[in-house]
């Protein structure tokens, strides 16, 4: 059985078939972490609006490159 991926913020399981906008998943463009849309700085936006935007999580955004 495949292990369910968890949100890196709230640690609840992610559901790739979620119908609620806030429960949809968004992944960091730098690291392998995944989040509920509602657990990110993108909360309040629709999934369609954010799916083409770059998303860098707080863990990666605090790093200096």
PDB file of N, CA and C in Angstrom:
ATOM      1  N   UNK A   1       0.843  -1.181   0.000  1.00  0.00           N
ATOM      2  CA  UNK A   1       0.000   0.000   0.000  1.00  0.00           C
ATOM      3  C   UNK A   1       0.892   1.249   0.000  1.00  0.00           C
ATOM      4  N   UNK A   2       0.558   2.187  -0.882  1.00  0.00           N
ATOM      5  CA  UNK A   2       1.332   3.414  -0.991  1.00  0.00           C
ATOM      6  C   UNK A   2       1.027   4.347   0.182  1.00  0.00           C
ATOM      7  N   UNK A   3       2.069   4.930   0.752  1.00  0.00           N
ATOM      8  CA  UNK A   3       1.919   5.865   1.857  1.00  0.00           C
ATOM      9  C   UNK A   3       1.327   7.178   1.343  1.00  0.00           C
ATOM     10  N   UNK A   4       0.337   7.694   2.048  1.00  0.00           N
ATOM     11  CA  UNK A   4      -0.293   8.953   1.658  1.00  0.00           C
ATOM     12  C   UNK A   4       0.638  10.119   1.946  1.00  0.00           C
ATOM     13  N   UNK A   5       0.686  11.045   1.030  1.00  0.00           N
ATOM     14  CA  UNK A   5       1.467  12.270   1.197  1.00  0.00           C
ATOM     15  C   UNK A   5       0.730  13.171   2.179  1.00  0.00           C
ATOM     16  N   UNK A   6       1.487  13.887   3.018  1.00  0.00           N
ATOM     17  CA  UNK A   6       0.886  14.784   4.008  1.00  0.00           C
ATOM     18  C   UNK A   6       1.298  16.223   3.742  1.00  0.00           C
ATOM     19  N   UNK A   7       0.423  17.134   4.110  1.00  0.00           N
ATOM     20  CA  UNK A   7       0.697  18.561   3.998  1.00  0.00           C
ATOM     21  C   UNK A   7       1.864  18.902   4.927  1.00  0.00           C
ATOM     22  N   UNK A   8       2.829  19.649   4.413  1.00  0.00           N
ATOM     23  CA  UNK A   8       4.013  20.006   5.196  1.00  0.00           C
ATOM     24  C   UNK A   8       3.711  21.015   6.307  1.00  0.00           C
ATOM     25  N   UNK A   9       2.535  21.613   6.314  1.00  0.00           N
ATOM     26  CA  UNK A   9       2.168  22.561   7.365  1.00  0.00           C
ATOM     27  C   UNK A   9       1.285  21.896   8.426  1.00  0.00           C
ATOM     28  N   UNK A  10       0.121  21.409   8.007  1.00  0.00           N
ATOM     29  CA  UNK A  10      -0.839  20.874   8.988  1.00  0.00           C
ATOM     30  C   UNK A  10      -0.683  19.373   9.217  1.00  0.00           C
ATOM     31  N   UNK A  11       0.053  18.706   8.356  1.00  0.00           N
ATOM     32  CA  UNK A  11       0.337  17.274   8.416  1.00  0.00           C
ATOM     33  C   UNK A  11      -0.891  16.385   8.209  1.00  0.00           C
ATOM     34  N   UNK A  12      -2.003  16.953   7.732  1.00  0.00           N
ATOM     35  CA  UNK A  12      -3.150  16.144   7.326  1.00  0.00           C
ATOM     36  C   UNK A  12      -2.852  15.553   5.951  1.00  0.00           C
ATOM     37  N   UNK A  13      -3.495  14.432   5.649  1.00  0.00           N
ATOM     38  CA  UNK A  13      -3.273  13.787   4.361  1.00  0.00           C
ATOM     39  C   UNK A  13      -3.772  14.673   3.227  1.00  0.00           C
ATOM     40  N   UNK A  14      -3.051  14.627   2.117  1.00  0.00           N
ATOM     41  CA  UNK A  14      -3.439  15.353   0.918  1.00  0.00           C
ATOM     42  C   UNK A  14      -4.347  14.473   0.078  1.00  0.00           C
ATOM     43  N   UNK A  15      -5.324  15.087  -0.561  1.00  0.00           N
ATOM     44  CA  UNK A  15      -6.266  14.374  -1.416  1.00  0.00           C
ATOM     45  C   UNK A  15      -6.214  14.998  -2.804  1.00  0.00           C
ATOM     46  N   UNK A  16      -5.662  14.272  -3.769  1.00  0.00           N
ATOM     47  CA  UNK A  16      -5.514  14.811  -5.111  1.00  0.00           C
ATOM     48  C   UNK A  16      -6.857  14.972  -5.819  1.00  0.00           C
ATOM     49  N   UNK A  17      -7.914  14.387  -5.276  1.00  0.00           N
ATOM     50  CA  UNK A  17      -9.246  14.501  -5.867  1.00  0.00           C
ATOM     51  C   UNK A  17     -10.149  15.468  -5.100  1.00  0.00           C
ATOM     52  N   UNK A  18      -9.569  16.292  -4.248  1.00  0.00           N
ATOM     53  CA  UNK A  18     -10.359  17.210  -3.420  1.00  0.00           C
ATOM     54  C   UNK A  18     -11.180  18.162  -4.287  1.00  0.00           C
ATOM     55  N   UNK A  19     -12.417  18.387  -3.871  1.00  0.00           N
ATOM     56  CA  UNK A  19     -13.286  19.319  -4.589  1.00  0.00           C
ATOM     57  C   UNK A  19     -13.223  20.715  -3.985  1.00  0.00           C
ATOM     58  N   UNK A  20     -12.981  20.808  -2.680  1.00  0.00           N
ATOM     59  CA  UNK A  20     -12.869  22.094  -1.990  1.00  0.00           C
ATOM     60  C   UNK A  20     -11.576  22.785  -2.434  1.00  0.00           C
ATOM     61  N   UNK A  21     -11.686  24.039  -2.860  1.00  0.00           N
ATOM     62  CA  UNK A  21     -10.507  24.778  -3.343  1.00  0.00           C
ATOM     63  C   UNK A  21      -9.354  24.768  -2.343  1.00  0.00           C
ATOM     64  N   UNK A  22      -9.648  24.998  -1.078  1.00  0.00           N
ATOM     65  CA  UNK A  22      -8.609  25.072  -0.060  1.00  0.00           C
ATOM     66  C   UNK A  22      -7.920  23.752   0.217  1.00  0.00           C
ATOM     67  N   UNK A  23      -8.578  22.651  -0.127  1.00  0.00           N
ATOM     68  CA  UNK A  23      -8.010  21.325   0.101  1.00  0.00           C
ATOM     69  C   UNK A  23      -7.211  20.808  -1.096  1.00  0.00           C
ATOM     70  N   UNK A  24      -7.231  21.542  -2.187  1.00  0.00           N
ATOM     71  CA  UNK A  24      -6.442  21.143  -3.360  1.00  0.00           C
ATOM     72  C   UNK A  24      -4.963  21.271  -3.014  1.00  0.00           C
ATOM     73  N   UNK A  25      -4.115  20.564  -3.732  1.00  0.00           N
ATOM     74  CA  UNK A  25      -2.692  20.477  -3.406  1.00  0.00           C
ATOM     75  C   UNK A  25      -1.834  21.378  -4.285  1.00  0.00           C
ATOM     76  N   UNK A  26      -0.802  21.925  -3.677  1.00  0.00           N
ATOM     77  CA  UNK A  26       0.183  22.713  -4.419  1.00  0.00           C
ATOM     78  C   UNK A  26       1.563  22.287  -3.934  1.00  0.00           C
ATOM     79  N   UNK A  27       2.484  22.110  -4.871  1.00  0.00           N
ATOM     80  CA  UNK A  27       3.838  21.682  -4.538  1.00  0.00           C
ATOM     81  C   UNK A  27       4.835  22.801  -4.724  1.00  0.00           C
ATOM     82  N   UNK A  28       5.859  22.798  -3.899  1.00  0.00           N
ATOM     83  CA  UNK A  28       6.933  23.779  -4.010  1.00  0.00           C
ATOM     84  C   UNK A  28       7.705  23.526  -5.303  1.00  0.00           C
ATOM     85  N   UNK A  29       8.091  24.601  -5.985  1.00  0.00           N
ATOM     86  CA  UNK A  29       8.843  24.488  -7.229  1.00  0.00           C
ATOM     87  C   UNK A  29      10.329  24.222  -6.999  1.00  0.00           C
ATOM     88  N   UNK A  30      10.767  24.222  -5.737  1.00  0.00           N
ATOM     89  CA  UNK A  30      12.180  23.980  -5.430  1.00  0.00           C
ATOM     90  C   UNK A  30      12.389  22.639  -4.731  1.00  0.00           C
ATOM     91  N   UNK A  31      11.573  22.353  -3.728  1.00  0.00           N
ATOM     92  CA  UNK A  31      11.747  21.128  -2.946  1.00  0.00           C
ATOM     93  C   UNK A  31      10.574  20.167  -3.174  1.00  0.00           C
ATOM     94  N   UNK A  32      10.604  18.988  -2.607  1.00  0.00           N
ATOM     95  CA  UNK A  32       9.521  18.022  -2.821  1.00  0.00           C
ATOM     96  C   UNK A  32       8.332  18.161  -1.864  1.00  0.00           C
ATOM     97  N   UNK A  33       8.237  19.254  -1.105  1.00  0.00           N
ATOM     98  CA  UNK A  33       7.137  19.409  -0.149  1.00  0.00           C
ATOM     99  C   UNK A  33       5.833  19.766  -0.866  1.00  0.00           C
ATOM    100  N   UNK A  34       4.725  19.231  -0.323  1.00  0.00           N
ATOM    101  CA  UNK A  34       3.390  19.502  -0.837  1.00  0.00           C
ATOM    102  C   UNK A  34       2.513  20.072   0.265  1.00  0.00           C
ATOM    103  N   UNK A  35       1.508  20.858  -0.117  1.00  0.00           N
ATOM    104  CA  UNK A  35       0.670  21.603   0.818  1.00  0.00           C
ATOM    105  C   UNK A  35      -0.778  21.628   0.348  1.00  0.00           C
ATOM    106  N   UNK A  36      -1.683  21.826   1.304  1.00  0.00           N
ATOM    107  CA  UNK A  36      -3.043  22.217   0.947  1.00  0.00           C
ATOM    108  C   UNK A  36      -2.945  23.679   0.517  1.00  0.00           C
ATOM    109  N   UNK A  37      -3.687  24.052  -0.464  1.00  0.00           N
ATOM    110  CA  UNK A  37      -3.694  25.444  -0.911  1.00  0.00           C
ATOM    111  C   UNK A  37      -4.013  26.383   0.248  1.00  0.00           C
ATOM    112  N   UNK A  38      -4.938  25.961   1.126  1.00  0.00           N
ATOM    113  CA  UNK A  38      -5.336  26.796   2.266  1.00  0.00           C
ATOM    114  C   UNK A  38      -4.244  26.952   3.325  1.00  0.00           C
ATOM    115  N   UNK A  39      -3.210  26.129   3.273  1.00  0.00           N
ATOM    116  CA  UNK A  39      -2.108  26.200   4.246  1.00  0.00           C
ATOM    117  C   UNK A  39      -0.935  27.037   3.730  1.00  0.00           C
ATOM    118  N   UNK A  40      -1.127  27.712   2.602  1.00  0.00           N
ATOM    119  CA  UNK A  40      -0.044  28.492   1.999  1.00  0.00           C
ATOM    120  C   UNK A  40      -0.399  29.967   1.936  1.00  0.00           C
ATOM    121  N   UNK A  41       0.568  30.756   1.497  1.00  0.00           N
ATOM    122  CA  UNK A  41       0.329  32.182   1.302  1.00  0.00           C
ATOM    123  C   UNK A  41      -0.610  32.447   0.125  1.00  0.00           C
ATOM    124  N   UNK A  42      -0.947  31.387  -0.628  1.00  0.00           N
ATOM    125  CA  UNK A  42      -1.864  31.503  -1.761  1.00  0.00           C
ATOM    126  C   UNK A  42      -3.320  31.283  -1.358  1.00  0.00           C
ATOM    127  N   UNK A  43      -3.567  31.047  -0.081  1.00  0.00           N
ATOM    128  CA  UNK A  43      -4.931  30.798   0.425  1.00  0.00           C
ATOM    129  C   UNK A  43      -5.852  31.931  -0.005  1.00  0.00           C
ATOM    130  N   UNK A  44      -7.067  31.566  -0.382  1.00  0.00           N
ATOM    131  CA  UNK A  44      -8.038  32.563  -0.814  1.00  0.00           C
ATOM    132  C   UNK A  44      -8.098  32.703  -2.328  1.00  0.00           C
ATOM    133  N   UNK A  45      -7.066  32.221  -3.018  1.00  0.00           N
ATOM    134  CA  UNK A  45      -7.072  32.233  -4.473  1.00  0.00           C
ATOM    135  C   UNK A  45      -7.613  30.899  -4.976  1.00  0.00           C
ATOM    136  N   UNK A  46      -8.115  30.886  -6.188  1.00  0.00           N
ATOM    137  CA  UNK A  46      -8.604  29.639  -6.751  1.00  0.00           C
ATOM    138  C   UNK A  46      -7.436  28.806  -7.246  1.00  0.00           C
ATOM    139  N   UNK A  47      -7.643  27.504  -7.282  1.00  0.00           N
ATOM    140  CA  UNK A  47      -6.610  26.590  -7.761  1.00  0.00           C
ATOM    141  C   UNK A  47      -6.229  26.918  -9.204  1.00  0.00           C
ATOM    142  N   UNK A  48      -7.218  27.221 -10.025  1.00  0.00           N
ATOM    143  CA  UNK A  48      -6.956  27.558 -11.431  1.00  0.00           C
ATOM    144  C   UNK A  48      -6.052  28.791 -11.524  1.00  0.00           C
ATOM    145  N   UNK A  49      -6.270  29.760 -10.644  1.00  0.00           N
ATOM    146  CA  UNK A  49      -5.477  30.992 -10.665  1.00  0.00           C
ATOM    147  C   UNK A  49      -4.027  30.753 -10.249  1.00  0.00           C
ATOM    148  N   UNK A  50      -3.783  29.782  -9.367  1.00  0.00           N
ATOM    149  CA  UNK A  50      -2.418  29.583  -8.862  1.00  0.00           C
ATOM    150  C   UNK A  50      -1.647  28.480  -9.583  1.00  0.00           C
ATOM    151  N   UNK A  51      -2.330  27.633 -10.337  1.00  0.00           N
ATOM    152  CA  UNK A  51      -1.628  26.469 -10.907  1.00  0.00           C
ATOM    153  C   UNK A  51      -0.545  26.859 -11.916  1.00  0.00           C
ATOM    154  N   UNK A  52      -0.623  28.036 -12.510  1.00  0.00           N
ATOM    155  CA  UNK A  52       0.410  28.476 -13.444  1.00  0.00           C
ATOM    156  C   UNK A  52       1.413  29.438 -12.807  1.00  0.00           C
ATOM    157  N   UNK A  53       1.237  29.741 -11.525  1.00  0.00           N
ATOM    158  CA  UNK A  53       2.160  30.629 -10.812  1.00  0.00           C
ATOM    159  C   UNK A  53       3.308  29.824 -10.212  1.00  0.00           C
ATOM    160  N   UNK A  54       4.441  30.466 -10.046  1.00  0.00           N
ATOM    161  CA  UNK A  54       5.536  29.829  -9.309  1.00  0.00           C
ATOM    162  C   UNK A  54       5.142  29.815  -7.839  1.00  0.00           C
ATOM    163  N   UNK A  55       5.415  28.702  -7.169  1.00  0.00           N
ATOM    164  CA  UNK A  55       5.167  28.617  -5.733  1.00  0.00           C
ATOM    165  C   UNK A  55       6.442  28.150  -5.052  1.00  0.00           C
ATOM    166  N   UNK A  56       6.951  28.974  -4.151  1.00  0.00           N
ATOM    167  CA  UNK A  56       8.120  28.628  -3.340  1.00  0.00           C
ATOM    168  C   UNK A  56       7.665  28.644  -1.891  1.00  0.00           C
ATOM    169  N   UNK A  57       7.801  27.492  -1.231  1.00  0.00           N
ATOM    170  CA  UNK A  57       7.324  27.373   0.146  1.00  0.00           C
ATOM    171  C   UNK A  57       8.160  28.216   1.104  1.00  0.00           C
ATOM    172  N   UNK A  58       7.668  28.365   2.331  1.00  0.00           N
ATOM    173  CA  UNK A  58       8.376  29.157   3.342  1.00  0.00           C
ATOM    174  C   UNK A  58       9.741  28.567   3.685  1.00  0.00           C
ATOM    175  N   UNK A  59       9.871  27.232   3.658  1.00  0.00           N
ATOM    176  CA  UNK A  59      11.159  26.605   3.946  1.00  0.00           C
ATOM    177  C   UNK A  59      12.206  27.054   2.916  1.00  0.00           C
ATOM    178  N   UNK A  60      11.836  27.012   1.661  1.00  0.00           N
ATOM    179  CA  UNK A  60      12.772  27.370   0.588  1.00  0.00           C
ATOM    180  C   UNK A  60      12.902  28.886   0.418  1.00  0.00           C
ATOM    181  N   UNK A  61      11.843  29.616   0.703  1.00  0.00           N
ATOM    182  CA  UNK A  61      11.861  31.063   0.566  1.00  0.00           C
ATOM    183  C   UNK A  61      12.773  31.737   1.579  1.00  0.00           C
ATOM    184  N   UNK A  62      13.038  31.059   2.694  1.00  0.00           N
ATOM    185  CA  UNK A  62      13.920  31.618   3.724  1.00  0.00           C
ATOM    186  C   UNK A  62      15.390  31.349   3.448  1.00  0.00           C
ATOM    187  N   UNK A  63      15.661  30.508   2.458  1.00  0.00           N
ATOM    188  CA  UNK A  63      17.053  30.182   2.132  1.00  0.00           C
ATOM    189  C   UNK A  63      17.687  31.288   1.293  1.00  0.00           C
ATOM    190  N   UNK A  64      18.978  31.402   1.390  1.00  0.00           N
ATOM    191  CA  UNK A  64      19.705  32.325   0.533  1.00  0.00           C
ATOM    192  C   UNK A  64      20.461  31.513  -0.498  1.00  0.00           C
ATOM    193  N   UNK A  65      20.311  31.895  -1.758  1.00  0.00           N
ATOM    194  CA  UNK A  65      20.957  31.161  -2.838  1.00  0.00           C
ATOM    195  C   UNK A  65      22.083  31.969  -3.431  1.00  0.00           C
TER     196      UNK A  65
END
